[in-house]
Amino acid sequence: MGNPVTHFEVLGTDAAALQRFYGEAFAWEMQDVMQGSYYMVNPGTGVNGGVGAAPGGSGGHVTFYVEVEDPAATLEKISALGGKTVQEPMEIPDGPTIALFADPEGHVIGLVKAM
């Protein structure tokens, strides 16, 4: 069995505007978890996600997260296959360990450590 997609993310320059847009467009319930800069999405069914502000003032991105046992080892495998590490594994306070990579065409995809 392959690794499951467990989370999606839409990041941009105005977290509050994105929260309003996606909340109203799709009737998603959202919980503010970072003082207005990140909202956890619970659509009721399907994959949960997040909407928020892009880090470091970047323009943002849309991505999904794949659950893996070892994000660092997976980044090594991805590098060998032609991908590039965008963000080394980091622990989210009271949350999972995540990492980001770019595939050979530059698409940014997330990894999340299996809990």
Protein backbone atom coordinates (compact mmCIF):
# COMPACT_ATOMS: atom_id res chain seq x y z
CA MET A 1 0.00 0.00 0.00
CA GLY A 2 1.27 3.50 -0.81
CA ASN A 3 1.59 6.50 1.47
CA PRO A 4 -1.70 8.41 2.03
CA VAL A 5 -2.39 12.10 1.45
CA THR A 6 -3.35 13.43 4.88
CA HIS A 7 -3.49 17.24 4.62
CA PHE A 8 -3.78 20.05 2.07
CA GLU A 9 -2.65 23.64 2.36
CA VAL A 10 -3.47 26.94 0.63
CA LEU A 11 -1.05 29.71 1.62
CA GLY A 12 -1.03 33.28 0.35
CA THR A 13 -0.46 36.89 1.28
CA ASP A 14 -3.77 37.53 3.15
CA ALA A 15 -4.73 34.68 5.49
CA ALA A 16 -7.97 36.30 6.66
CA ALA A 17 -9.18 36.91 3.09
CA LEU A 18 -8.35 33.33 2.09
CA GLN A 19 -10.15 32.03 5.18
CA ARG A 20 -13.29 34.00 4.28
CA PHE A 21 -13.14 33.01 0.61
CA TYR A 22 -12.72 29.25 1.10
CA GLY A 23 -15.03 29.17 4.11
CA GLU A 24 -17.85 30.81 2.17
CA ALA A 25 -17.17 29.08 -1.16
CA PHE A 26 -17.22 25.55 0.27
CA ALA A 27 -18.93 25.92 3.68
CA TRP A 28 -15.73 24.77 5.40
CA GLU A 29 -15.52 25.10 9.17
CA MET A 30 -12.19 26.66 10.15
CA GLN A 31 -10.41 27.06 13.45
CA ASP A 32 -7.88 29.87 13.97
CA VAL A 33 -4.80 28.14 15.37
CA MET A 34 -2.14 30.86 14.90
CA GLN A 35 -3.67 34.23 15.83
CA GLY A 36 -5.12 34.90 12.38
CA SER A 37 -2.21 33.63 10.30
CA TYR A 38 -3.32 29.97 9.93
CA TYR A 39 -6.70 28.26 10.00
CA MET A 40 -7.25 24.51 10.24
CA VAL A 41 -9.94 23.32 7.82
CA ASN A 42 -12.42 20.60 8.69
CA PRO A 43 -14.57 20.03 5.60
CA GLY A 44 -16.62 17.33 7.35
CA THR A 45 -15.54 14.58 4.97
CA GLY A 46 -12.40 13.99 2.94
CA VAL A 47 -8.95 15.34 3.74
CA ASN A 48 -8.51 18.07 6.36
CA GLY A 49 -6.30 21.02 5.55
CA GLY A 50 -5.09 24.49 6.32
CA VAL A 51 -5.46 28.01 4.93
CA GLY A 52 -3.11 30.77 5.95
CA ALA A 53 -0.28 33.20 5.42
CA ALA A 54 2.78 32.15 3.46
CA PRO A 55 6.01 32.14 5.48
CA GLY A 56 8.66 34.76 4.93
CA GLY A 57 6.49 37.01 2.79
CA SER A 58 6.53 34.64 -0.18
CA GLY A 59 3.61 34.67 -2.58
CA GLY A 60 2.36 31.37 -1.25
CA HIS A 61 1.50 28.00 -2.72
CA VAL A 62 -1.08 25.24 -2.84
CA THR A 63 0.13 21.82 -1.80
CA PHE A 64 -0.75 18.53 -0.19
CA TYR A 65 1.05 16.49 2.47
CA VAL A 66 1.94 12.81 2.18
CA GLU A 67 2.31 10.78 5.39
CA VAL A 68 5.70 9.04 5.73
CA GLU A 69 7.52 7.21 8.53
CA ASP A 70 10.75 9.24 8.24
CA PRO A 71 10.68 12.67 6.52
CA ALA A 72 14.49 12.99 6.47
CA ALA A 73 14.95 9.59 4.81
CA THR A 74 12.17 10.39 2.35
CA LEU A 75 13.89 13.69 1.44
CA GLU A 76 17.08 11.74 0.70
CA LYS A 77 15.14 9.39 -1.59
CA ILE A 78 13.46 12.35 -3.30
CA SER A 79 16.85 13.99 -3.86
CA ALA A 80 18.16 10.80 -5.48
CA LEU A 81 15.12 10.85 -7.78
CA GLY A 82 15.76 14.44 -8.92
CA GLY A 83 13.72 16.41 -6.39
CA LYS A 84 15.01 19.14 -4.06
CA THR A 85 14.49 19.84 -0.37
CA VAL A 86 12.58 23.09 0.20
CA GLN A 87 12.27 22.80 4.00
CA GLU A 88 14.15 20.36 6.22
CA PRO A 89 12.06 18.41 8.74
CA MET A 90 10.75 20.64 11.54
CA GLU A 91 8.52 19.95 14.52
CA ILE A 92 5.34 21.99 14.75
CA PRO A 93 4.61 22.90 18.41
CA ASP A 94 1.95 20.50 19.71
CA GLY A 95 1.80 18.97 16.23
CA PRO A 96 3.57 16.78 13.73
CA THR A 97 6.98 16.91 12.07
CA ILE A 98 6.74 18.28 8.52
CA ALA A 99 9.06 18.90 5.58
CA LEU A 100 8.69 20.27 2.04
CA PHE A 101 10.28 19.27 -1.25
CA ALA A 102 10.05 20.31 -4.90
CA ASP A 103 9.57 17.65 -7.54
CA PRO A 104 11.72 17.76 -10.72
CA GLU A 105 9.28 20.28 -12.27
CA GLY A 106 9.28 22.54 -9.19
CA HIS A 107 5.92 21.61 -7.62
CA VAL A 108 6.13 21.97 -3.83
CA ILE A 109 4.79 18.96 -1.90
CA GLY A 110 4.72 18.35 1.86
CA LEU A 111 5.71 15.39 3.99
CA VAL A 112 4.25 14.70 7.42
CA LYS A 113 5.62 12.16 9.88
CA ALA A 114 3.26 9.31 10.66
CA MET A 115 2.01 9.61 14.22
